[in-house]
Amino acid sequence: MSIVRTSPKGQVVVPADIRKAVGLEPGDLVMVTHAGGRRVMIEPLGDDPVASARGVLKGGPSLTRALKQERKDEDARGAEKGARFVRDSGVPQRRGRG
């Protein structure tokens, strides 16, 4: 376990033995996340940060599923409202010509 001090700018130096263990090189990108409570995680990113970050939000609520459900509910409300106007219009329905 290593203890490091934060600089006035909030910077920390990752100890050499830890950098070596995780393969960090000068100029590499890392992702810093709040891990709950007082815990912070620093994870090295690969050459493609987007690919490296894939799955970070896995397990949370599906925003796509929620949006689809909301649109389905909205369509149902719109169809119900439209049907009410057709039923309540008081205008006799015209039958086919003939």
PDB file of N, CA and C in Angstrom:
ATOM      1  N   MET A   1       0.856  -1.172   0.000  1.00  0.00           N
ATOM      2  CA  MET A   1       0.000   0.000   0.000  1.00  0.00           C
ATOM      3  C   MET A   1       0.898   1.230   0.000  1.00  0.00           C
ATOM      4  N   SER A   2       0.562   2.177  -0.853  1.00  0.00           N
ATOM      5  CA  SER A   2       1.325   3.418  -0.946  1.00  0.00           C
ATOM      6  C   SER A   2       0.455   4.577  -0.507  1.00  0.00           C
ATOM      7  N   ILE A   3       1.064   5.561   0.118  1.00  0.00           N
ATOM      8  CA  ILE A   3       0.365   6.777   0.516  1.00  0.00           C
ATOM      9  C   ILE A   3       0.969   7.923  -0.286  1.00  0.00           C
ATOM     10  N   VAL A   4       0.107   8.702  -0.932  1.00  0.00           N
ATOM     11  CA  VAL A   4       0.564   9.833  -1.726  1.00  0.00           C
ATOM     12  C   VAL A   4      -0.166  11.084  -1.261  1.00  0.00           C
ATOM     13  N   ARG A   5       0.400  12.224  -1.556  1.00  0.00           N
ATOM     14  CA  ARG A   5      -0.202  13.504  -1.162  1.00  0.00           C
ATOM     15  C   ARG A   5      -0.766  14.175  -2.408  1.00  0.00           C
ATOM     16  N   THR A   6      -1.915  14.818  -2.260  1.00  0.00           N
ATOM     17  CA  THR A   6      -2.484  15.555  -3.390  1.00  0.00           C
ATOM     18  C   THR A   6      -1.819  16.926  -3.477  1.00  0.00           C
ATOM     19  N   SER A   7      -1.650  17.392  -4.697  1.00  0.00           N
ATOM     20  CA  SER A   7      -1.069  18.711  -4.918  1.00  0.00           C
ATOM     21  C   SER A   7      -2.164  19.761  -4.747  1.00  0.00           C
ATOM     22  N   PRO A   8      -1.800  21.033  -4.720  1.00  0.00           N
ATOM     23  CA  PRO A   8      -2.827  22.085  -4.645  1.00  0.00           C
ATOM     24  C   PRO A   8      -3.820  22.028  -5.807  1.00  0.00           C
ATOM     25  N   LYS A   9      -3.413  21.432  -6.932  1.00  0.00           N
ATOM     26  CA  LYS A   9      -4.309  21.296  -8.088  1.00  0.00           C
ATOM     27  C   LYS A   9      -5.100  19.985  -8.053  1.00  0.00           C
ATOM     28  N   GLY A  10      -4.976  19.205  -6.990  1.00  0.00           N
ATOM     29  CA  GLY A  10      -5.698  17.941  -6.889  1.00  0.00           C
ATOM     30  C   GLY A  10      -4.997  16.783  -7.591  1.00  0.00           C
ATOM     31  N   GLN A  11      -3.758  16.970  -7.988  1.00  0.00           N
ATOM     32  CA  GLN A  11      -3.028  15.924  -8.696  1.00  0.00           C
ATOM     33  C   GLN A  11      -2.376  14.961  -7.711  1.00  0.00           C
ATOM     34  N   VAL A  12      -2.273  13.704  -8.148  1.00  0.00           N
ATOM     35  CA  VAL A  12      -1.552  12.702  -7.366  1.00  0.00           C
ATOM     36  C   VAL A  12      -0.570  11.995  -8.288  1.00  0.00           C
ATOM     37  N   VAL A  13       0.493  11.474  -7.710  1.00  0.00           N
ATOM     38  CA  VAL A  13       1.468  10.696  -8.474  1.00  0.00           C
ATOM     39  C   VAL A  13       1.215   9.230  -8.160  1.00  0.00           C
ATOM     40  N   VAL A  14       0.966   8.428  -9.197  1.00  0.00           N
ATOM     41  CA  VAL A  14       0.777   6.997  -9.003  1.00  0.00           C
ATOM     42  C   VAL A  14       2.165   6.393  -8.797  1.00  0.00           C
ATOM     43  N   PRO A  15       2.368   5.705  -7.693  1.00  0.00           N
ATOM     44  CA  PRO A  15       3.688   5.140  -7.412  1.00  0.00           C
ATOM     45  C   PRO A  15       4.183   4.222  -8.534  1.00  0.00           C
ATOM     46  N   ALA A  16       5.507   4.206  -8.701  1.00  0.00           N
ATOM     47  CA  ALA A  16       6.136   3.473  -9.805  1.00  0.00           C
ATOM     48  C   ALA A  16       5.779   1.993  -9.803  1.00  0.00           C
ATOM     49  N   ASP A  17       5.742   1.352  -8.640  1.00  0.00           N
ATOM     50  CA  ASP A  17       5.439  -0.082  -8.618  1.00  0.00           C
ATOM     51  C   ASP A  17       4.015  -0.364  -9.112  1.00  0.00           C
ATOM     52  N   ILE A  18       3.079   0.529  -8.820  1.00  0.00           N
ATOM     53  CA  ILE A  18       1.703   0.360  -9.288  1.00  0.00           C
ATOM     54  C   ILE A  18       1.612   0.652 -10.780  1.00  0.00           C
ATOM     55  N   ARG A  19       2.300   1.708 -11.242  1.00  0.00           N
ATOM     56  CA  ARG A  19       2.316   2.014 -12.686  1.00  0.00           C
ATOM     57  C   ARG A  19       2.850   0.828 -13.459  1.00  0.00           C
ATOM     58  N   LYS A  20       3.917   0.213 -12.951  1.00  0.00           N
ATOM     59  CA  LYS A  20       4.519  -0.933 -13.627  1.00  0.00           C
ATOM     60  C   LYS A  20       3.565  -2.128 -13.624  1.00  0.00           C
ATOM     61  N   ALA A  21       2.884  -2.365 -12.493  1.00  0.00           N
ATOM     62  CA  ALA A  21       1.984  -3.510 -12.374  1.00  0.00           C
ATOM     63  C   ALA A  21       0.802  -3.423 -13.344  1.00  0.00           C
ATOM     64  N   VAL A  22       0.297  -2.209 -13.586  1.00  0.00           N
ATOM     65  CA  VAL A  22      -0.853  -2.062 -14.490  1.00  0.00           C
ATOM     66  C   VAL A  22      -0.453  -1.628 -15.894  1.00  0.00           C
ATOM     67  N   GLY A  23       0.832  -1.420 -16.117  1.00  0.00           N
ATOM     68  CA  GLY A  23       1.316  -1.088 -17.459  1.00  0.00           C
ATOM     69  C   GLY A  23       1.098   0.350 -17.868  1.00  0.00           C
ATOM     70  N   LEU A  24       1.098   1.272 -16.909  1.00  0.00           N
ATOM     71  CA  LEU A  24       0.936   2.695 -17.239  1.00  0.00           C
ATOM     72  C   LEU A  24       2.255   3.276 -17.733  1.00  0.00           C
ATOM     73  N   GLU A  25       2.176   3.973 -18.838  1.00  0.00           N
ATOM     74  CA  GLU A  25       3.338   4.657 -19.411  1.00  0.00           C
ATOM     75  C   GLU A  25       3.068   6.153 -19.390  1.00  0.00           C
ATOM     76  N   PRO A  26       4.112   6.982 -19.439  1.00  0.00           N
ATOM     77  CA  PRO A  26       3.897   8.432 -19.490  1.00  0.00           C
ATOM     78  C   PRO A  26       3.002   8.813 -20.673  1.00  0.00           C
ATOM     79  N   GLY A  27       1.998   9.637 -20.415  1.00  0.00           N
ATOM     80  CA  GLY A  27       1.076  10.085 -21.461  1.00  0.00           C
ATOM     81  C   GLY A  27      -0.138   9.199 -21.647  1.00  0.00           C
ATOM     82  N   ASP A  28      -0.199   8.037 -20.970  1.00  0.00           N
ATOM     83  CA  ASP A  28      -1.366   7.168 -21.085  1.00  0.00           C
ATOM     84  C   ASP A  28      -2.586   7.850 -20.476  1.00  0.00           C
ATOM     85  N   LEU A  29      -3.758   7.502 -20.988  1.00  0.00           N
ATOM     86  CA  LEU A  29      -5.009   8.016 -20.438  1.00  0.00           C
ATOM     87  C   LEU A  29      -5.512   7.070 -19.354  1.00  0.00           C
ATOM     88  N   VAL A  30      -6.078   7.657 -18.303  1.00  0.00           N
ATOM     89  CA  VAL A  30      -6.705   6.862 -17.257  1.00  0.00           C
ATOM     90  C   VAL A  30      -8.112   7.406 -17.027  1.00  0.00           C
ATOM     91  N   MET A  31      -8.994   6.542 -16.553  1.00  0.00           N
ATOM     92  CA  MET A  31     -10.351   6.952 -16.226  1.00  0.00           C
ATOM     93  C   MET A  31     -10.462   6.979 -14.706  1.00  0.00           C
ATOM     94  N   VAL A  32     -10.897   8.109 -14.165  1.00  0.00           N
ATOM     95  CA  VAL A  32     -11.054   8.273 -12.727  1.00  0.00           C
ATOM     96  C   VAL A  32     -12.551   8.304 -12.434  1.00  0.00           C
ATOM     97  N   THR A  33     -13.011   7.379 -11.580  1.00  0.00           N
ATOM     98  CA  THR A  33     -14.434   7.311 -11.256  1.00  0.00           C
ATOM     99  C   THR A  33     -14.627   7.280  -9.750  1.00  0.00           C
ATOM    100  N   HIS A  34     -15.766   7.826  -9.322  1.00  0.00           N
ATOM    101  CA  HIS A  34     -16.140   7.780  -7.911  1.00  0.00           C
ATOM    102  C   HIS A  34     -16.765   6.412  -7.680  1.00  0.00           C
ATOM    103  N   ALA A  35     -16.191   5.637  -6.796  1.00  0.00           N
ATOM    104  CA  ALA A  35     -16.635   4.258  -6.581  1.00  0.00           C
ATOM    105  C   ALA A  35     -17.564   4.128  -5.383  1.00  0.00           C
ATOM    106  N   GLY A  36     -18.123   5.239  -4.926  1.00  0.00           N
ATOM    107  CA  GLY A  36     -19.048   5.195  -3.795  1.00  0.00           C
ATOM    108  C   GLY A  36     -18.329   5.503  -2.499  1.00  0.00           C
ATOM    109  N   GLY A  37     -19.017   6.181  -1.625  1.00  0.00           N
ATOM    110  CA  GLY A  37     -18.400   6.542  -0.353  1.00  0.00           C
ATOM    111  C   GLY A  37     -17.193   7.430  -0.573  1.00  0.00           C
ATOM    112  N   ARG A  38     -16.071   7.044   0.001  1.00  0.00           N
ATOM    113  CA  ARG A  38     -14.834   7.814  -0.159  1.00  0.00           C
ATOM    114  C   ARG A  38     -13.854   7.130  -1.093  1.00  0.00           C
ATOM    115  N   ARG A  39     -14.344   6.172  -1.878  1.00  0.00           N
ATOM    116  CA  ARG A  39     -13.476   5.397  -2.767  1.00  0.00           C
ATOM    117  C   ARG A  39     -13.408   6.010  -4.162  1.00  0.00           C
ATOM    118  N   VAL A  40     -12.222   6.009  -4.727  1.00  0.00           N
ATOM    119  CA  VAL A  40     -11.978   6.504  -6.083  1.00  0.00           C
ATOM    120  C   VAL A  40     -11.233   5.415  -6.836  1.00  0.00           C
ATOM    121  N   MET A  41     -11.637   5.152  -8.081  1.00  0.00           N
ATOM    122  CA  MET A  41     -10.947   4.161  -8.905  1.00  0.00           C
ATOM    123  C   MET A  41     -10.226   4.859 -10.040  1.00  0.00           C
ATOM    124  N   ILE A  42      -9.018   4.418 -10.300  1.00  0.00           N
ATOM    125  CA  ILE A  42      -8.234   4.916 -11.432  1.00  0.00           C
ATOM    126  C   ILE A  42      -7.960   3.708 -12.316  1.00  0.00           C
ATOM    127  N   GLU A  43      -8.497   3.739 -13.540  1.00  0.00           N
ATOM    128  CA  GLU A  43      -8.328   2.617 -14.453  1.00  0.00           C
ATOM    129  C   GLU A  43      -7.629   3.077 -15.719  1.00  0.00           C
ATOM    130  N   PRO A  44      -6.589   2.350 -16.128  1.00  0.00           N
ATOM    131  CA  PRO A  44      -5.930   2.708 -17.383  1.00  0.00           C
ATOM    132  C   PRO A  44      -6.858   2.438 -18.567  1.00  0.00           C
ATOM    133  N   LEU A  45      -6.824   3.349 -19.548  1.00  0.00           N
ATOM    134  CA  LEU A  45      -7.590   3.171 -20.776  1.00  0.00           C
ATOM    135  C   LEU A  45      -6.649   2.668 -21.858  1.00  0.00           C
ATOM    136  N   GLY A  46      -7.189   1.893 -22.763  1.00  0.00           N
ATOM    137  CA  GLY A  46      -6.382   1.404 -23.870  1.00  0.00           C
ATOM    138  C   GLY A  46      -6.207   2.480 -24.932  1.00  0.00           C
ATOM    139  N   ASP A  47      -5.811   2.049 -26.119  1.00  0.00           N
ATOM    140  CA  ASP A  47      -5.624   2.989 -27.222  1.00  0.00           C
ATOM    141  C   ASP A  47      -6.937   3.624 -27.656  1.00  0.00           C
ATOM    142  N   ASP A  48      -8.042   2.904 -27.494  1.00  0.00           N
ATOM    143  CA  ASP A  48      -9.360   3.411 -27.881  1.00  0.00           C
ATOM    144  C   ASP A  48     -10.182   3.625 -26.616  1.00  0.00           C
ATOM    145  N   PRO A  49     -10.227   4.855 -26.089  1.00  0.00           N
ATOM    146  CA  PRO A  49     -10.940   5.098 -24.833  1.00  0.00           C
ATOM    147  C   PRO A  49     -12.425   4.749 -24.891  1.00  0.00           C
ATOM    148  N   VAL A  50     -13.046   4.887 -26.065  1.00  0.00           N
ATOM    149  CA  VAL A  50     -14.467   4.566 -26.179  1.00  0.00           C
ATOM    150  C   VAL A  50     -14.671   3.067 -25.970  1.00  0.00           C
ATOM    151  N   ALA A  51     -13.844   2.253 -26.608  1.00  0.00           N
ATOM    152  CA  ALA A  51     -13.954   0.804 -26.443  1.00  0.00           C
ATOM    153  C   ALA A  51     -13.629   0.399 -25.011  1.00  0.00           C
ATOM    154  N   SER A  52     -12.662   1.071 -24.401  1.00  0.00           N
ATOM    155  CA  SER A  52     -12.286   0.747 -23.030  1.00  0.00           C
ATOM    156  C   SER A  52     -13.395   1.078 -22.042  1.00  0.00           C
ATOM    157  N   ALA A  53     -14.171   2.117 -22.322  1.00  0.00           N
ATOM    158  CA  ALA A  53     -15.236   2.539 -21.407  1.00  0.00           C
ATOM    159  C   ALA A  53     -16.529   1.767 -21.626  1.00  0.00           C
ATOM    160  N   ARG A  54     -16.586   0.953 -22.672  1.00  0.00           N
ATOM    161  CA  ARG A  54     -17.804   0.201 -22.961  1.00  0.00           C
ATOM    162  C   ARG A  54     -18.136  -0.713 -21.786  1.00  0.00           C
ATOM    163  N   GLY A  55     -19.392  -0.681 -21.364  1.00  0.00           N
ATOM    164  CA  GLY A  55     -19.842  -1.538 -20.280  1.00  0.00           C
ATOM    165  C   GLY A  55     -19.741  -0.906 -18.907  1.00  0.00           C
ATOM    166  N   VAL A  56     -19.220   0.305 -18.804  1.00  0.00           N
ATOM    167  CA  VAL A  56     -19.072   0.961 -17.510  1.00  0.00           C
ATOM    168  C   VAL A  56     -20.428   1.146 -16.842  1.00  0.00           C
ATOM    169  N   LEU A  57     -21.463   1.446 -17.616  1.00  0.00           N
ATOM    170  CA  LEU A  57     -22.791   1.692 -17.062  1.00  0.00           C
ATOM    171  C   LEU A  57     -23.671   0.445 -17.068  1.00  0.00           C
ATOM    172  N   LYS A  58     -23.096  -0.697 -17.382  1.00  0.00           N
ATOM    173  CA  LYS A  58     -23.859  -1.936 -17.457  1.00  0.00           C
ATOM    174  C   LYS A  58     -24.514  -2.244 -16.115  1.00  0.00           C
ATOM    175  N   GLY A  59     -25.727  -2.726 -16.185  1.00  0.00           N
ATOM    176  CA  GLY A  59     -26.441  -3.095 -14.969  1.00  0.00           C
ATOM    177  C   GLY A  59     -27.376  -2.010 -14.470  1.00  0.00           C
ATOM    178  N   GLY A  60     -27.262  -0.811 -15.024  1.00  0.00           N
ATOM    179  CA  GLY A  60     -28.155   0.271 -14.623  1.00  0.00           C
ATOM    180  C   GLY A  60     -29.467   0.178 -15.376  1.00  0.00           C
ATOM    181  N   PRO A  61     -30.355   1.106 -15.151  1.00  0.00           N
ATOM    182  CA  PRO A  61     -31.632   1.078 -15.861  1.00  0.00           C
ATOM    183  C   PRO A  61     -31.425   1.330 -17.355  1.00  0.00           C
ATOM    184  N   SER A  62     -32.226   0.666 -18.168  1.00  0.00           N
ATOM    185  CA  SER A  62     -32.129   0.830 -19.615  1.00  0.00           C
ATOM    186  C   SER A  62     -32.911   2.063 -20.032  1.00  0.00           C
ATOM    187  N   LEU A  63     -32.216   3.086 -20.447  1.00  0.00           N
ATOM    188  CA  LEU A  63     -32.880   4.307 -20.886  1.00  0.00           C
ATOM    189  C   LEU A  63     -33.632   4.079 -22.190  1.00  0.00           C
ATOM    190  N   THR A  64     -33.098   3.209 -23.032  1.00  0.00           N
ATOM    191  CA  THR A  64     -33.773   2.893 -24.292  1.00  0.00           C
ATOM    192  C   THR A  64     -35.102   2.206 -24.011  1.00  0.00           C
ATOM    193  N   ARG A  65     -35.099   1.249 -23.096  1.00  0.00           N
ATOM    194  CA  ARG A  65     -36.328   0.534 -22.753  1.00  0.00           C
ATOM    195  C   ARG A  65     -37.362   1.499 -22.164  1.00  0.00           C
ATOM    196  N   ALA A  66     -36.914   2.395 -21.302  1.00  0.00           N
ATOM    197  CA  ALA A  66     -37.827   3.372 -20.684  1.00  0.00           C
ATOM    198  C   ALA A  66     -38.422   4.294 -21.746  1.00  0.00           C
ATOM    199  N   LEU A  67     -37.600   4.746 -22.709  1.00  0.00           N
ATOM    200  CA  LEU A  67     -38.092   5.627 -23.772  1.00  0.00           C
ATOM    201  C   LEU A  67     -39.106   4.910 -24.655  1.00  0.00           C
ATOM    202  N   LYS A  68     -38.819   3.645 -24.997  1.00  0.00           N
ATOM    203  CA  LYS A  68     -39.767   2.879 -25.813  1.00  0.00           C
ATOM    204  C   LYS A  68     -41.102   2.715 -25.095  1.00  0.00           C
ATOM    205  N   GLN A  69     -41.056   2.422 -23.794  1.00  0.00           N
ATOM    206  CA  GLN A  69     -42.287   2.256 -23.029  1.00  0.00           C
ATOM    207  C   GLN A  69     -43.063   3.566 -22.956  1.00  0.00           C
ATOM    208  N   GLU A  70     -42.345   4.668 -22.761  1.00  0.00           N
ATOM    209  CA  GLU A  70     -42.993   5.974 -22.698  1.00  0.00           C
ATOM    210  C   GLU A  70     -43.696   6.299 -24.016  1.00  0.00           C
ATOM    211  N   ARG A  71     -43.028   6.020 -25.126  1.00  0.00           N
ATOM    212  CA  ARG A  71     -43.644   6.283 -26.436  1.00  0.00           C
ATOM    213  C   ARG A  71     -44.842   5.381 -26.682  1.00  0.00           C
ATOM    214  N   LYS A  72     -44.760   4.127 -26.233  1.00  0.00           N
ATOM    215  CA  LYS A  72     -45.882   3.208 -26.384  1.00  0.00           C
ATOM    216  C   LYS A  72     -47.087   3.707 -25.590  1.00  0.00           C
ATOM    217  N   ASP A  73     -46.836   4.149 -24.356  1.00  0.00           N
ATOM    218  CA  ASP A  73     -47.914   4.686 -23.525  1.00  0.00           C
ATOM    219  C   ASP A  73     -48.513   5.951 -24.147  1.00  0.00           C
ATOM    220  N   GLU A  74     -47.655   6.805 -24.689  1.00  0.00           N
ATOM    221  CA  GLU A  74     -48.119   8.043 -25.317  1.00  0.00           C
ATOM    222  C   GLU A  74     -48.975   7.743 -26.546  1.00  0.00           C
ATOM    223  N   ASP A  75     -48.547   6.764 -27.346  1.00  0.00           N
ATOM    224  CA  ASP A  75     -49.341   6.370 -28.525  1.00  0.00           C
ATOM    225  C   ASP A  75     -50.707   5.840 -28.103  1.00  0.00           C
ATOM    226  N   ALA A  76     -50.744   5.058 -27.025  1.00  0.00           N
ATOM    227  CA  ALA A  76     -52.012   4.512 -26.545  1.00  0.00           C
ATOM    228  C   ALA A  76     -52.937   5.634 -26.077  1.00  0.00           C
ATOM    229  N   ARG A  77     -52.382   6.608 -25.355  1.00  0.00           N
ATOM    230  CA  ARG A  77     -53.188   7.739 -24.906  1.00  0.00           C
ATOM    231  C   ARG A  77     -53.719   8.527 -26.096  1.00  0.00           C
ATOM    232  N   GLY A  78     -52.883   8.732 -27.121  1.00  0.00           N
ATOM    233  CA  GLY A  78     -53.302   9.469 -28.318  1.00  0.00           C
ATOM    234  C   GLY A  78     -54.388   8.739 -29.072  1.00  0.00           C
ATOM    235  N   ALA A  79     -54.271   7.413 -29.195  1.00  0.00           N
ATOM    236  CA  ALA A  79     -55.290   6.629 -29.897  1.00  0.00           C
ATOM    237  C   ALA A  79     -56.609   6.673 -29.130  1.00  0.00           C
ATOM    238  N   GLU A  80     -56.525   6.592 -27.798  1.00  0.00           N
ATOM    239  CA  GLU A  80     -57.730   6.643 -26.972  1.00  0.00           C
ATOM    240  C   GLU A  80     -58.422   8.001 -27.111  1.00  0.00           C
ATOM    241  N   LYS A  81     -57.630   9.053 -27.098  1.00  0.00           N
ATOM    242  CA  LYS A  81     -58.186  10.397 -27.218  1.00  0.00           C
ATOM    243  C   LYS A  81     -58.830  10.582 -28.596  1.00  0.00           C
ATOM    244  N   GLY A  82     -58.164  10.122 -29.636  1.00  0.00           N
ATOM    245  CA  GLY A  82     -58.705  10.231 -30.989  1.00  0.00           C
ATOM    246  C   GLY A  82     -59.981   9.440 -31.150  1.00  0.00           C
ATOM    247  N   ALA A  83     -60.044   8.245 -30.561  1.00  0.00           N
ATOM    248  CA  ALA A  83     -61.245   7.412 -30.647  1.00  0.00           C
ATOM    249  C   ALA A  83     -62.411   8.093 -29.933  1.00  0.00           C
ATOM    250  N   ARG A  84     -62.154   8.762 -28.836  1.00  0.00           N
ATOM    251  CA  ARG A  84     -63.205   9.453 -28.094  1.00  0.00           C
ATOM    252  C   ARG A  84     -63.810  10.572 -28.948  1.00  0.00           C
ATOM    253  N   PHE A  85     -62.978  11.282 -29.687  1.00  0.00           N
ATOM    254  CA  PHE A  85     -63.485  12.347 -30.547  1.00  0.00           C
ATOM    255  C   PHE A  85     -64.348  11.792 -31.666  1.00  0.00           C
ATOM    256  N   VAL A  86     -63.985  10.658 -32.207  1.00  0.00           N
ATOM    257  CA  VAL A  86     -64.751  10.065 -33.290  1.00  0.00           C
ATOM    258  C   VAL A  86     -66.097   9.588 -32.762  1.00  0.00           C
ATOM    259  N   ARG A  87     -66.119   8.943 -31.585  1.00  0.00           N
ATOM    260  CA  ARG A  87     -67.366   8.452 -31.003  1.00  0.00           C
ATOM    261  C   ARG A  87     -68.293   9.583 -30.600  1.00  0.00           C
ATOM    262  N   ASP A  88     -67.746  10.636 -30.044  1.00  0.00           N
ATOM    263  CA  ASP A  88     -68.548  11.710 -29.481  1.00  0.00           C
ATOM    264  C   ASP A  88     -68.858  12.825 -30.475  1.00  0.00           C
ATOM    265  N   SER A  89     -68.496  12.679 -31.708  1.00  0.00           N
ATOM    266  CA  SER A  89     -68.658  13.785 -32.647  1.00  0.00           C
ATOM    267  C   SER A  89     -70.116  14.080 -32.961  1.00  0.00           C
ATOM    268  N   GLY A  90     -71.004  13.104 -32.835  1.00  0.00           N
ATOM    269  CA  GLY A  90     -72.420  13.325 -33.126  1.00  0.00           C
ATOM    270  C   GLY A  90     -72.721  13.368 -34.619  1.00  0.00           C
ATOM    271  N   VAL A  91     -71.729  13.230 -35.440  1.00  0.00           N
ATOM    272  CA  VAL A  91     -71.921  13.242 -36.891  1.00  0.00           C
ATOM    273  C   VAL A  91     -72.186  11.809 -37.316  1.00  0.00           C
ATOM    274  N   PRO A  92     -73.322  11.590 -38.023  1.00  0.00           N
ATOM    275  CA  PRO A  92     -73.621  10.221 -38.459  1.00  0.00           C
ATOM    276  C   PRO A  92     -72.541   9.732 -39.427  1.00  0.00           C
ATOM    277  N   GLN A  93     -72.199   8.490 -39.255  1.00  0.00           N
ATOM    278  CA  GLN A  93     -71.174   7.904 -40.118  1.00  0.00           C
ATOM    279  C   GLN A  93     -71.808   7.584 -41.472  1.00  0.00           C
ATOM    280  N   ARG A  94     -71.119   7.954 -42.515  1.00  0.00           N
ATOM    281  CA  ARG A  94     -71.597   7.735 -43.866  1.00  0.00           C
ATOM    282  C   ARG A  94     -71.231   6.330 -44.324  1.00  0.00           C
ATOM    283  N   ARG A  95     -72.161   5.659 -44.885  1.00  0.00           N
ATOM    284  CA  ARG A  95     -71.896   4.307 -45.401  1.00  0.00           C
ATOM    285  C   ARG A  95     -71.394   4.429 -46.828  1.00  0.00           C
ATOM    286  N   GLY A  96     -70.894   3.358 -47.374  1.00  0.00           N
ATOM    287  CA  GLY A  96     -70.366   3.358 -48.724  1.00  0.00           C
ATOM    288  C   GLY A  96     -71.391   3.785 -49.760  1.00  0.00           C
ATOM    289  N   ARG A  97     -70.937   4.288 -50.902  1.00  0.00           N
ATOM    290  CA  ARG A  97     -71.842   4.722 -51.977  1.00  0.00           C
ATOM    291  C   ARG A  97     -72.436   3.506 -52.657  1.00  0.00           C
ATOM    292  N   GLY A  98     -73.628   3.666 -53.103  1.00  0.00           N
ATOM    293  CA  GLY A  98     -74.145   2.538 -53.816  1.00  0.00           C
ATOM    294  C   GLY A  98     -75.529   2.471 -54.067  1.00  0.00           C
TER     295      GLY A  98
END
